[in-house]
Amino acid sequence: MYTTVTELADGRELIYYDSAPGHDRTARDVRPLERVESTPELRRDPATGDWVTIAAHRQTRTYHPPADACPLCPSREGRPSEIPAADYEVAVFENRFPSLSGAAGRCEVVCFTPEHDAGFADLSPGRARLVLDAWTDRTATLSARPGVAQVYCFENRGAEIGVTLPHPHGQIYAFTAPTPRTAKHLAAASAHRAATGRNLFEDLLAEARAAAERVVLAGEHWTAFVPYAARWPYEVHLYPHRRVPDLTRLDAAERAEFPGLYLELLRRFDRLFGLAEPTPYVSAWHQAPLRGGDELALHLEVFTVRRTADKLKYLAGTESGMDAFMNDVSPEAAARRLREAR
């Protein structure tokens, strides 16, 4: 992996990730950009203890631009974008309209490919590996920033998820406190350790691998399975067999196997409903917080809001109002359908 660090016209950082040396990354951002005033505020909900980010400045962010005005495509003559180069492999830059910035954290955008109409599932294994390397590099860099408590890499895909820029991309958030979901993981892992003397996530993986009806894909170093109490109609967790806290701790063999397995998983999601358009999904890396996360385990969670070819799963009264999930598809049936989606 080869990196080139530069700046955009308003001073935001841009990093090019290339698989080989020799690429010209000297193109300058010629847009007359002014700095966006980003003043997010973290407020703690006294009723739950959860931190809520107030980011009112994001109301003016780019919203469903036409393809010829996509800010994530490479720049062209007369059409500059967030990527000044005429081509790129993987690019990461500070979000112009961040939910988190300054003392509240940091938000970055990860562009997986210059191809506007592609998806992650369309990447080659080599390009997917380069994205993995970029995620890993940014995790290490952001973890070293003062005040950062947890780094979260994720992809939202599809208008049904709420994506406003269809160009294939993901995001990275550097949180200043562990997220509410992570806090639940920490509490559950602590209780499990106290009750059994074992690690919760090692037990979850062992149980899933033993219960073959919930396994979707398996390799020498990774297993993808539907969790026993899945919250979403089609939800898959992808774990390395060796428990590690974050992406920086994966070894060479684990990194080598991941791209092929992950690409096959995403392609099965796309084949699941027999539709011409790709399946919407969220893909979320769960990494341990920098402090107090010894009992947690790196894993990737992928889920779709689509429950049938013509129906979506909406978070209505029970889920949104009470955080009580109701799933319309049994985990065993979901795993079977994903195994069959070859």
Protein backbone atom coordinates (compact mmCIF):
# COMPACT_ATOMS: atom_id res chain seq x y z
CA MET A 1 0.00 0.00 0.00
CA TYR A 2 1.25 3.48 -0.93
CA THR A 3 -0.22 6.65 0.54
CA THR A 4 -0.14 10.27 -0.54
CA VAL A 5 -1.37 12.90 1.91
CA THR A 6 -2.51 16.26 0.59
CA GLU A 7 -5.09 18.97 1.28
CA LEU A 8 -8.31 20.17 -0.31
CA ALA A 9 -8.93 23.86 -1.04
CA ASP A 10 -10.52 24.49 2.36
CA GLY A 11 -7.73 22.79 4.29
CA ARG A 12 -9.35 19.39 4.81
CA GLU A 13 -7.06 16.38 4.64
CA LEU A 14 -7.15 14.03 1.63
CA ILE A 15 -5.28 10.71 1.46
CA TYR A 16 -4.82 8.63 -1.69
CA TYR A 17 -4.27 4.89 -1.23
CA ASP A 18 -2.60 3.09 -4.12
CA SER A 19 -1.63 -0.54 -4.64
CA ALA A 20 1.56 0.38 -6.48
CA PRO A 21 3.92 3.36 -6.69
CA GLY A 22 4.18 5.78 -9.55
CA HIS A 23 0.77 7.48 -9.51
CA ASP A 24 0.71 11.24 -9.96
CA ARG A 25 -1.19 12.68 -6.98
CA THR A 26 -0.08 16.30 -7.38
CA ALA A 27 -3.39 17.65 -8.80
CA ARG A 28 -4.58 20.62 -6.77
CA ASP A 29 -8.12 21.34 -5.65
CA VAL A 30 -8.96 24.50 -7.62
CA ARG A 31 -12.44 25.07 -6.19
CA PRO A 32 -13.02 28.38 -4.38
CA LEU A 33 -14.13 26.62 -1.20
CA GLU A 34 -14.73 28.35 2.09
CA ARG A 35 -14.46 26.40 5.29
CA VAL A 36 -17.80 25.01 6.46
CA GLU A 37 -18.58 26.13 9.97
CA SER A 38 -18.93 22.81 11.76
CA THR A 39 -20.00 23.11 15.39
CA PRO A 40 -21.44 19.78 16.53
CA GLU A 41 -22.49 19.56 20.14
CA LEU A 42 -22.51 16.41 22.27
CA ARG A 43 -25.39 16.25 24.71
CA ARG A 44 -25.90 13.47 27.24
CA ASP A 45 -29.44 12.16 27.66
CA PRO A 46 -29.90 12.01 31.45
CA ALA A 47 -32.70 9.44 31.11
CA THR A 48 -30.55 6.86 29.31
CA GLY A 49 -26.96 8.02 29.72
CA ASP A 50 -26.53 7.99 25.92
CA TRP A 51 -24.61 10.72 24.12
CA VAL A 52 -26.51 12.45 21.31
CA THR A 53 -24.75 14.55 18.65
CA ILE A 54 -26.47 17.77 17.61
CA ALA A 55 -25.14 18.68 14.14
CA ALA A 56 -27.57 21.24 12.70
CA HIS A 57 -25.05 22.43 10.08
CA ARG A 58 -25.57 19.16 8.18
CA GLN A 59 -28.96 20.34 6.93
CA THR A 60 -27.12 22.03 4.04
CA ARG A 61 -25.06 19.00 2.94
CA THR A 62 -25.11 17.72 -0.63
CA TYR A 63 -28.34 15.82 -1.32
CA HIS A 64 -28.87 13.47 -4.28
CA PRO A 65 -26.87 15.42 -6.90
CA PRO A 66 -27.09 14.36 -10.57
CA ALA A 67 -24.43 11.87 -11.66
CA ASP A 68 -22.51 14.50 -13.63
CA ALA A 69 -22.16 16.58 -10.46
CA CYS A 70 -21.12 13.75 -8.13
CA PRO A 71 -18.58 15.08 -5.61
CA LEU A 72 -16.95 11.64 -5.20
CA CYS A 73 -16.08 11.00 -8.84
CA PRO A 74 -12.60 11.99 -10.05
CA SER A 75 -12.29 15.60 -11.18
CA ARG A 76 -12.78 16.40 -14.85
CA GLU A 77 -12.14 19.52 -16.91
CA GLY A 78 -14.75 22.03 -15.78
CA ARG A 79 -16.11 19.65 -13.15
CA PRO A 80 -13.92 19.62 -10.04
CA SER A 81 -14.87 17.32 -7.19
CA GLU A 82 -13.67 16.30 -3.74
CA ILE A 83 -11.03 14.18 -5.51
CA PRO A 84 -8.73 16.49 -7.55
CA ALA A 85 -7.02 13.60 -9.37
CA ALA A 86 -8.30 12.44 -12.75
CA ASP A 87 -8.36 8.86 -11.42
CA TYR A 88 -7.78 7.08 -8.13
CA GLU A 89 -7.93 3.66 -6.48
CA VAL A 90 -9.07 4.42 -2.92
CA ALA A 91 -9.34 7.90 -1.44
CA VAL A 92 -10.12 9.11 2.09
CA PHE A 93 -10.90 12.69 3.04
CA GLU A 94 -12.38 14.69 5.88
CA ASN A 95 -16.13 15.05 5.49
CA ARG A 96 -17.09 18.60 4.49
CA PHE A 97 -20.32 18.30 6.50
CA PRO A 98 -19.21 16.21 9.49
CA SER A 99 -21.42 14.99 12.31
CA LEU A 100 -18.30 15.03 14.50
CA SER A 101 -15.42 17.51 14.39
CA GLY A 102 -12.98 19.30 16.65
CA ALA A 103 -13.34 18.25 20.28
CA ALA A 104 -16.39 16.14 19.34
CA GLY A 105 -14.40 13.77 17.10
CA ARG A 106 -13.82 13.39 13.37
CA CYS A 107 -15.69 12.10 10.29
CA GLU A 108 -14.05 10.85 7.11
CA VAL A 109 -15.33 9.63 3.74
CA VAL A 110 -13.82 6.54 2.09
CA CYS A 111 -14.25 6.30 -1.69
CA PHE A 112 -13.89 2.64 -2.73
CA THR A 113 -13.61 3.18 -6.48
CA PRO A 114 -13.77 5.94 -9.10
CA GLU A 115 -16.58 4.03 -10.88
CA HIS A 116 -19.80 5.90 -10.11
CA ASP A 117 -22.22 3.07 -10.87
CA ALA A 118 -20.27 0.26 -9.21
CA GLY A 119 -20.65 -1.16 -5.71
CA PHE A 120 -18.32 -2.75 -3.20
CA ALA A 121 -19.41 -6.18 -4.47
CA ASP A 122 -18.07 -5.20 -7.91
CA LEU A 123 -14.54 -4.62 -6.62
CA SER A 124 -11.71 -7.01 -7.38
CA PRO A 125 -10.20 -8.88 -4.43
CA GLY A 126 -7.12 -6.66 -4.78
CA ARG A 127 -9.15 -3.46 -4.54
CA ALA A 128 -11.15 -4.83 -1.58
CA ARG A 129 -7.84 -5.60 0.12
CA LEU A 130 -6.70 -2.03 -0.50
CA VAL A 131 -9.90 -0.78 1.18
CA LEU A 132 -9.18 -3.08 4.13
CA ASP A 133 -5.67 -1.63 4.33
CA ALA A 134 -7.09 1.91 4.23
CA TRP A 135 -9.57 1.10 7.03
CA THR A 136 -6.69 -0.33 9.05
CA ASP A 137 -4.42 2.66 8.44
CA ARG A 138 -7.13 5.15 9.38
CA THR A 139 -8.00 3.15 12.49
CA ALA A 140 -4.38 3.36 13.63
CA THR A 141 -4.06 7.07 12.78
CA LEU A 142 -7.36 8.17 14.31
CA SER A 143 -6.80 6.05 17.43
CA ALA A 144 -3.65 8.07 18.09
CA ARG A 145 -5.53 11.39 18.07
CA PRO A 146 -6.08 13.01 21.48
CA GLY A 147 -9.54 12.40 22.86
CA VAL A 148 -10.53 9.59 20.49
CA ALA A 149 -12.13 6.64 22.29
CA GLN A 150 -13.36 4.43 19.45
CA VAL A 151 -13.03 4.22 15.65
CA TYR A 152 -16.00 3.05 13.59
CA CYS A 153 -15.72 2.12 9.88
CA PHE A 154 -18.99 1.53 8.03
CA GLU A 155 -20.83 1.63 4.71
CA ASN A 156 -24.42 2.67 4.06
CA ARG A 157 -25.58 1.40 0.68
CA GLY A 158 -28.83 2.30 -1.07
CA ALA A 159 -31.46 5.03 -0.94
CA GLU A 160 -33.58 2.77 1.28
CA ILE A 161 -30.88 3.10 3.95
CA GLY A 162 -30.83 6.89 3.58
CA VAL A 163 -27.79 7.28 1.32
CA THR A 164 -27.70 10.72 -0.33
CA LEU A 165 -24.63 10.11 -2.54
CA PRO A 166 -24.95 6.90 -4.61
CA HIS A 167 -21.24 6.75 -5.54
CA PRO A 168 -19.75 3.71 -3.72
CA HIS A 169 -18.27 4.98 -0.49
CA GLY A 170 -18.16 4.43 3.24
CA GLN A 171 -17.39 6.51 6.28
CA ILE A 172 -15.16 6.46 9.33
CA TYR A 173 -16.17 8.09 12.62
CA ALA A 174 -13.77 8.78 15.46
CA PHE A 175 -15.89 8.93 18.61
CA THR A 176 -14.80 10.57 21.85
CA ALA A 177 -16.79 8.06 23.92
CA PRO A 178 -17.77 4.43 23.30
CA THR A 179 -21.08 4.20 21.44
CA PRO A 180 -24.28 2.99 23.17
CA ARG A 181 -24.14 -0.32 21.28
CA THR A 182 -20.56 -0.85 22.42
CA ALA A 183 -21.57 -0.07 26.01
CA LYS A 184 -24.12 -2.90 25.79
CA HIS A 185 -21.46 -5.24 24.42
CA LEU A 186 -19.12 -4.32 27.26
CA ALA A 187 -21.80 -4.96 29.91
CA ALA A 188 -22.83 -8.29 28.36
CA ALA A 189 -19.22 -9.45 28.02
CA SER A 190 -18.47 -8.54 31.63
CA ALA A 191 -21.53 -10.40 32.90
CA HIS A 192 -20.67 -13.44 30.78
CA ARG A 193 -17.10 -13.50 32.07
CA ALA A 194 -18.33 -13.28 35.67
CA ALA A 195 -20.86 -16.08 35.16
CA THR A 196 -18.78 -18.50 33.08
CA GLY A 197 -15.14 -17.47 33.24
CA ARG A 198 -15.12 -17.36 29.44
CA ASN A 199 -15.18 -14.70 26.76
CA LEU A 200 -18.65 -13.94 25.39
CA PHE A 201 -17.63 -13.39 21.77
CA GLU A 202 -15.46 -16.48 21.60
CA ASP A 203 -18.46 -18.44 22.86
CA LEU A 204 -20.81 -16.81 20.33
CA LEU A 205 -18.49 -17.73 17.46
CA ALA A 206 -17.98 -21.29 18.73
CA GLU A 207 -21.74 -21.77 19.13
CA ALA A 208 -22.44 -20.46 15.64
CA ARG A 209 -19.78 -22.65 14.03
CA ALA A 210 -21.20 -25.68 15.85
CA ALA A 211 -24.77 -24.80 14.79
CA ALA A 212 -24.28 -25.25 11.05
CA GLU A 213 -27.83 -24.12 10.22
CA ARG A 214 -26.88 -20.49 10.91
CA VAL A 215 -23.52 -20.47 9.07
CA VAL A 216 -23.56 -18.72 5.69
CA LEU A 217 -19.89 -18.86 4.63
CA ALA A 218 -16.74 -20.17 6.26
CA GLY A 219 -13.05 -20.05 5.49
CA GLU A 220 -9.88 -21.05 7.26
CA HIS A 221 -9.72 -17.79 9.23
CA TRP A 222 -13.25 -16.27 9.09
CA THR A 223 -16.84 -17.40 9.55
CA ALA A 224 -19.99 -15.55 8.47
CA PHE A 225 -23.16 -16.50 10.34
CA VAL A 226 -26.63 -15.23 11.18
CA PRO A 227 -26.83 -14.47 14.91
CA TYR A 228 -29.21 -16.47 17.09
CA ALA A 229 -31.27 -13.38 17.95
CA ALA A 230 -30.93 -11.44 14.68
CA ARG A 231 -32.69 -8.07 14.76
CA TRP A 232 -32.90 -7.58 10.98
CA PRO A 233 -34.56 -9.81 8.36
CA TYR A 234 -31.19 -10.70 6.84
CA GLU A 235 -28.27 -10.02 9.18
CA VAL A 236 -24.83 -11.63 9.03
CA HIS A 237 -21.91 -11.32 11.43
CA LEU A 238 -18.42 -11.98 10.06
CA TYR A 239 -15.81 -12.92 12.69
CA PRO A 240 -12.13 -13.80 12.46
CA HIS A 241 -11.55 -17.12 14.25
CA ARG A 242 -8.83 -15.51 16.36
CA ARG A 243 -10.21 -12.87 18.70
CA VAL A 244 -8.58 -9.47 18.16
CA PRO A 245 -9.73 -6.01 19.32
CA ASP A 246 -9.52 -4.11 16.03
CA LEU A 247 -8.40 -4.10 12.42
CA THR A 248 -4.81 -3.24 13.26
CA ARG A 249 -4.36 -6.61 14.99
CA LEU A 250 -5.34 -8.86 12.08
CA ASP A 251 -2.45 -10.98 10.83
CA ALA A 252 -1.34 -11.55 7.24
CA ALA A 253 -3.38 -14.71 6.70
CA GLU A 254 -6.56 -13.12 8.05
CA ARG A 255 -6.08 -10.07 5.82
CA ALA A 256 -5.47 -12.25 2.79
CA GLU A 257 -8.64 -14.32 3.23
CA PHE A 258 -11.03 -11.49 4.13
CA PRO A 259 -11.56 -9.84 0.67
CA GLY A 260 -12.75 -12.96 -1.13
CA LEU A 261 -15.09 -14.03 1.67
CA TYR A 262 -16.55 -10.55 2.13
CA LEU A 263 -17.09 -10.01 -1.59
CA GLU A 264 -18.92 -13.33 -1.85
CA LEU A 265 -21.10 -12.38 1.14
CA LEU A 266 -22.10 -9.05 -0.43
CA ARG A 267 -22.82 -10.73 -3.77
CA ARG A 268 -25.12 -13.18 -2.01
CA PHE A 269 -26.99 -10.26 -0.49
CA ASP A 270 -27.39 -8.86 -4.02
CA ARG A 271 -28.71 -12.20 -5.34
CA LEU A 272 -31.04 -12.74 -2.41
CA PHE A 273 -34.23 -11.26 -3.87
CA GLY A 274 -33.68 -11.80 -7.59
CA LEU A 275 -33.95 -8.10 -8.35
CA ALA A 276 -32.08 -6.08 -10.95
CA GLU A 277 -31.16 -3.39 -8.45
CA PRO A 278 -28.64 -4.15 -5.68
CA THR A 279 -29.76 -4.94 -2.14
CA PRO A 280 -29.53 -2.02 0.31
CA TYR A 281 -27.45 -2.73 3.37
CA VAL A 282 -25.44 -1.38 6.27
CA SER A 283 -21.98 -2.88 6.82
CA ALA A 284 -20.52 -2.01 10.21
CA TRP A 285 -17.14 -2.84 11.73
CA HIS A 286 -17.32 -3.28 15.50
CA GLN A 287 -13.93 -2.45 16.98
CA ALA A 288 -13.08 -2.37 20.67
CA PRO A 289 -12.72 1.04 22.30
CA LEU A 290 -9.16 2.08 23.05
CA ARG A 291 -9.65 1.74 26.78
CA GLY A 292 -11.60 -0.92 28.65
CA GLY A 293 -12.36 -3.09 25.63
CA ASP A 294 -10.28 -6.16 26.44
CA GLU A 295 -13.32 -8.47 26.41
CA LEU A 296 -14.61 -7.37 23.00
CA ALA A 297 -13.92 -8.87 19.58
CA LEU A 298 -13.49 -7.31 16.16
CA HIS A 299 -16.31 -8.33 13.85
CA LEU A 300 -18.29 -7.03 10.89
CA GLU A 301 -22.09 -6.86 10.90
CA VAL A 302 -23.95 -6.68 7.57
CA PHE A 303 -27.74 -6.30 7.42
CA THR A 304 -30.44 -5.22 5.01
CA VAL A 305 -33.74 -3.45 5.63
CA ARG A 306 -35.31 -5.47 2.78
CA ARG A 307 -37.39 -8.38 4.07
CA THR A 308 -38.93 -9.49 0.74
CA ALA A 309 -38.47 -8.41 -2.86
CA ASP A 310 -41.16 -5.74 -2.47
CA LYS A 311 -41.20 -5.02 1.28
CA LEU A 312 -38.89 -3.13 3.62
CA LYS A 313 -38.38 -3.47 7.35
CA TYR A 314 -39.28 -0.15 8.95
CA LEU A 315 -38.26 0.78 12.48
CA ALA A 316 -41.71 1.69 13.73
CA GLY A 317 -43.26 1.96 17.20
CA THR A 318 -41.63 -0.95 19.01
CA GLU A 319 -38.16 -0.57 17.53
CA SER A 320 -37.95 3.22 17.42
CA GLY A 321 -40.02 3.89 20.51
CA MET A 322 -38.86 1.10 22.82
CA ASP A 323 -35.72 -0.34 21.15
CA ALA A 324 -37.55 -3.69 21.08
CA PHE A 325 -36.86 -5.40 17.75
CA MET A 326 -39.38 -7.64 16.01
CA ASN A 327 -37.93 -9.80 13.21
CA ASP A 328 -40.16 -11.18 10.44
CA VAL A 329 -37.64 -13.80 9.25
CA SER A 330 -36.22 -16.61 11.39
CA PRO A 331 -32.39 -16.56 11.57
CA GLU A 332 -32.23 -20.18 10.41
CA ALA A 333 -34.37 -19.42 7.32
CA ALA A 334 -32.31 -16.31 6.57
CA ALA A 335 -29.07 -18.29 6.72
CA ARG A 336 -30.49 -20.99 4.47
CA ARG A 337 -31.58 -18.46 1.84
CA LEU A 338 -28.17 -16.77 1.90
CA ARG A 339 -26.44 -20.14 1.50
CA GLU A 340 -28.68 -20.85 -1.51
CA ALA A 341 -28.02 -17.42 -3.11
CA ARG A 342 -25.07 -18.68 -5.13
